[in-house]
Amino acid sequence: MKEAGAEEFWGRFDKQRKSVGISIKALTEKLGLSYPLLITQRSRNIYPPVLTACKIAKFLGTTVEYLATGEQVSVDLGQGDGSSQEEQKLIPLDVVLAMSHSSDEDMKLVRRIYRLSSPNEKVE
């Protein structure tokens, strides 16, 4: 039985999976999931169980909210370059999650893009 919105979930799943460059088979092996079950859920447009969706989202560097609704969750990282006390820096949660696995070079680039100050560098 098809579930409302599940087709969009799987579409976003495929988009994220392709951006990471991993097959469904490899993803299920890495996460310890049942390949036949995931393929069945996907082909029948059935949402996976919550814990499975959490594992998938985390592995793909996104959120369950994005996979389920298409909405990006943002995190307020506080002041940006220090020019205004009122300034908020809202960063998509998937970017914040990806930052946790980034190299120092990537972190510098992300800080520059989002104009985030760092104790060790000045944002231009």
C-alpha atoms as a PDB file:
ATOM      1  CA  MET A   1       0.000   0.000   0.000  1.00  0.00           C
ATOM      2  CA  LYS A   2       1.430   3.367  -1.079  1.00  0.00           C
ATOM      3  CA  GLU A   3       1.875   5.966   1.631  1.00  0.00           C
ATOM      4  CA  ALA A   4       1.252   9.663   0.956  1.00  0.00           C
ATOM      5  CA  GLY A   5       4.528  11.521   0.452  1.00  0.00           C
ATOM      6  CA  ALA A   6       6.673   8.373   0.389  1.00  0.00           C
ATOM      7  CA  GLU A   7       7.393   8.762  -3.337  1.00  0.00           C
ATOM      8  CA  GLU A   8       8.915  12.190  -2.637  1.00  0.00           C
ATOM      9  CA  PHE A   9      10.888  10.713   0.287  1.00  0.00           C
ATOM     10  CA  TRP A  10      12.458   8.141  -2.011  1.00  0.00           C
ATOM     11  CA  GLY A  11      13.088  10.776  -4.684  1.00  0.00           C
ATOM     12  CA  ARG A  12      15.031  12.899  -2.178  1.00  0.00           C
ATOM     13  CA  PHE A  13      16.745   9.718  -0.942  1.00  0.00           C
ATOM     14  CA  ASP A  14      17.935   8.988  -4.498  1.00  0.00           C
ATOM     15  CA  LYS A  15      19.090  12.577  -5.006  1.00  0.00           C
ATOM     16  CA  GLN A  16      21.141  12.547  -1.781  1.00  0.00           C
ATOM     17  CA  ARG A  17      22.437   9.037  -2.443  1.00  0.00           C
ATOM     18  CA  LYS A  18      23.628   9.993  -5.921  1.00  0.00           C
ATOM     19  CA  SER A  19      25.297  13.156  -4.596  1.00  0.00           C
ATOM     20  CA  VAL A  20      27.254  10.948  -2.177  1.00  0.00           C
ATOM     21  CA  GLY A  21      27.981   8.525  -5.003  1.00  0.00           C
ATOM     22  CA  ILE A  22      26.804   5.293  -3.410  1.00  0.00           C
ATOM     23  CA  SER A  23      24.583   2.506  -4.654  1.00  0.00           C
ATOM     24  CA  ILE A  24      21.612   1.273  -2.671  1.00  0.00           C
ATOM     25  CA  LYS A  25      23.332  -2.098  -2.251  1.00  0.00           C
ATOM     26  CA  ALA A  26      26.499  -0.487  -0.836  1.00  0.00           C
ATOM     27  CA  LEU A  27      24.449   1.799   1.425  1.00  0.00           C
ATOM     28  CA  THR A  28      22.527  -1.126   2.913  1.00  0.00           C
ATOM     29  CA  GLU A  29      25.755  -3.075   3.466  1.00  0.00           C
ATOM     30  CA  LYS A  30      27.447  -0.143   5.230  1.00  0.00           C
ATOM     31  CA  LEU A  31      24.421   0.511   7.439  1.00  0.00           C
ATOM     32  CA  GLY A  32      23.586  -3.125   8.156  1.00  0.00           C
ATOM     33  CA  LEU A  33      20.159  -2.849   6.535  1.00  0.00           C
ATOM     34  CA  SER A  34      18.266  -5.442   4.531  1.00  0.00           C
ATOM     35  CA  TYR A  35      18.719  -4.711   0.834  1.00  0.00           C
ATOM     36  CA  PRO A  36      15.599  -6.644  -0.272  1.00  0.00           C
ATOM     37  CA  LEU A  37      13.475  -4.902   2.368  1.00  0.00           C
ATOM     38  CA  LEU A  38      14.712  -1.415   1.451  1.00  0.00           C
ATOM     39  CA  ILE A  39      14.168  -2.082  -2.272  1.00  0.00           C
ATOM     40  CA  THR A  40      10.638  -3.349  -1.537  1.00  0.00           C
ATOM     41  CA  GLN A  41       9.815  -0.277   0.566  1.00  0.00           C
ATOM     42  CA  ARG A  42      11.211   1.996  -2.144  1.00  0.00           C
ATOM     43  CA  SER A  43       9.407   0.286  -5.042  1.00  0.00           C
ATOM     44  CA  ARG A  44       6.091   0.210  -3.146  1.00  0.00           C
ATOM     45  CA  ASN A  45       6.497   3.810  -1.893  1.00  0.00           C
ATOM     46  CA  ILE A  46       6.441   2.858   1.768  1.00  0.00           C
ATOM     47  CA  TYR A  47       8.339   4.908   4.339  1.00  0.00           C
ATOM     48  CA  PRO A  48      11.125   3.031   6.103  1.00  0.00           C
ATOM     49  CA  PRO A  49      10.946   2.664   9.896  1.00  0.00           C
ATOM     50  CA  VAL A  50      12.055   5.763  11.815  1.00  0.00           C
ATOM     51  CA  LEU A  51      15.354   4.267  13.002  1.00  0.00           C
ATOM     52  CA  THR A  52      16.187   3.182   9.451  1.00  0.00           C
ATOM     53  CA  ALA A  53      15.355   6.676   8.140  1.00  0.00           C
ATOM     54  CA  CYS A  54      17.620   8.163  10.834  1.00  0.00           C
ATOM     55  CA  LYS A  55      20.522   5.905   9.841  1.00  0.00           C
ATOM     56  CA  ILE A  56      20.013   6.710   6.162  1.00  0.00           C
ATOM     57  CA  ALA A  57      19.782  10.469   6.714  1.00  0.00           C
ATOM     58  CA  LYS A  58      22.873  10.563   8.913  1.00  0.00           C
ATOM     59  CA  PHE A  59      24.882   8.514   6.434  1.00  0.00           C
ATOM     60  CA  LEU A  60      23.769  10.739   3.537  1.00  0.00           C
ATOM     61  CA  GLY A  61      24.665  13.896   5.474  1.00  0.00           C
ATOM     62  CA  THR A  62      21.131  15.207   5.688  1.00  0.00           C
ATOM     63  CA  THR A  63      18.151  15.062   8.012  1.00  0.00           C
ATOM     64  CA  VAL A  64      15.048  12.908   8.220  1.00  0.00           C
ATOM     65  CA  GLU A  65      13.043  16.148   7.996  1.00  0.00           C
ATOM     66  CA  TYR A  66      14.587  16.884   4.604  1.00  0.00           C
ATOM     67  CA  LEU A  67      14.000  13.362   3.290  1.00  0.00           C
ATOM     68  CA  ALA A  68      10.395  13.338   4.548  1.00  0.00           C
ATOM     69  CA  THR A  69       9.307  16.904   3.763  1.00  0.00           C
ATOM     70  CA  GLY A  70      11.945  18.521   1.572  1.00  0.00           C
ATOM     71  CA  GLU A  71      12.408  21.263   4.162  1.00  0.00           C
ATOM     72  CA  GLN A  72      15.917  22.210   5.176  1.00  0.00           C
ATOM     73  CA  VAL A  73      16.443  22.555   8.897  1.00  0.00           C
ATOM     74  CA  SER A  74      18.718  25.456   9.820  1.00  0.00           C
ATOM     75  CA  VAL A  75      20.934  25.929  12.839  1.00  0.00           C
ATOM     76  CA  ASP A  76      21.575  29.355  14.348  1.00  0.00           C
ATOM     77  CA  LEU A  77      25.315  29.631  14.778  1.00  0.00           C
ATOM     78  CA  GLY A  78      25.045  33.072  16.357  1.00  0.00           C
ATOM     79  CA  GLN A  79      26.919  36.111  15.211  1.00  0.00           C
ATOM     80  CA  GLY A  80      28.739  35.985  11.938  1.00  0.00           C
ATOM     81  CA  ASP A  81      31.586  38.419  11.430  1.00  0.00           C
ATOM     82  CA  GLY A  82      30.854  40.341  14.626  1.00  0.00           C
ATOM     83  CA  SER A  83      29.600  43.441  12.807  1.00  0.00           C
ATOM     84  CA  SER A  84      26.148  43.299  14.386  1.00  0.00           C
ATOM     85  CA  GLN A  85      24.922  41.987  17.715  1.00  0.00           C
ATOM     86  CA  GLU A  86      21.547  41.254  16.089  1.00  0.00           C
ATOM     87  CA  GLU A  87      22.932  39.219  13.206  1.00  0.00           C
ATOM     88  CA  GLN A  88      21.984  35.554  13.018  1.00  0.00           C
ATOM     89  CA  LYS A  89      23.779  32.977  10.967  1.00  0.00           C
ATOM     90  CA  LEU A  90      21.330  30.280   9.909  1.00  0.00           C
ATOM     91  CA  ILE A  91      23.080  27.367   8.263  1.00  0.00           C
ATOM     92  CA  PRO A  92      21.318  24.308   6.823  1.00  0.00           C
ATOM     93  CA  LEU A  93      21.662  21.415   9.260  1.00  0.00           C
ATOM     94  CA  ASP A  94      23.030  19.118   6.566  1.00  0.00           C
ATOM     95  CA  VAL A  95      25.902  21.588   6.050  1.00  0.00           C
ATOM     96  CA  VAL A  96      26.576  21.638   9.796  1.00  0.00           C
ATOM     97  CA  LEU A  97      26.562  17.824   9.871  1.00  0.00           C
ATOM     98  CA  ALA A  98      28.904  17.657   6.889  1.00  0.00           C
ATOM     99  CA  MET A  99      31.205  20.189   8.570  1.00  0.00           C
ATOM    100  CA  SER A 100      31.766  17.758  11.428  1.00  0.00           C
ATOM    101  CA  HIS A 101      33.570  15.439   8.977  1.00  0.00           C
ATOM    102  CA  SER A 102      35.419  18.155   7.054  1.00  0.00           C
ATOM    103  CA  SER A 103      39.094  18.822   6.675  1.00  0.00           C
ATOM    104  CA  ASP A 104      40.591  22.086   7.927  1.00  0.00           C
ATOM    105  CA  GLU A 105      40.683  23.405   4.342  1.00  0.00           C
ATOM    106  CA  ASP A 106      36.986  22.654   3.854  1.00  0.00           C
ATOM    107  CA  MET A 107      36.152  24.278   7.196  1.00  0.00           C
ATOM    108  CA  LYS A 108      37.927  27.474   6.120  1.00  0.00           C
ATOM    109  CA  LEU A 109      35.919  27.527   2.896  1.00  0.00           C
ATOM    110  CA  VAL A 110      32.598  26.963   4.701  1.00  0.00           C
ATOM    111  CA  ARG A 111      33.450  29.688   7.214  1.00  0.00           C
ATOM    112  CA  ARG A 112      34.199  32.068   4.344  1.00  0.00           C
ATOM    113  CA  ILE A 113      30.992  31.200   2.457  1.00  0.00           C
ATOM    114  CA  TYR A 114      28.803  31.728   5.522  1.00  0.00           C
ATOM    115  CA  ARG A 115      30.952  34.574   6.867  1.00  0.00           C
ATOM    116  CA  LEU A 116      31.549  32.831  10.179  1.00  0.00           C
ATOM    117  CA  SER A 117      34.244  34.168  12.435  1.00  0.00           C
ATOM    118  CA  SER A 118      36.826  31.879  13.917  1.00  0.00           C
ATOM    119  CA  PRO A 119      39.156  32.463  16.814  1.00  0.00           C
ATOM    120  CA  ASN A 120      42.123  31.816  14.512  1.00  0.00           C
ATOM    121  CA  GLU A 121      41.156  33.732  11.381  1.00  0.00           C
ATOM    122  CA  LYS A 122      39.539  36.946  10.259  1.00  0.00           C
ATOM    123  CA  VAL A 123      36.564  36.714   7.886  1.00  0.00           C
ATOM    124  CA  GLU A 124      37.006  38.933   4.841  1.00  0.00           C
END
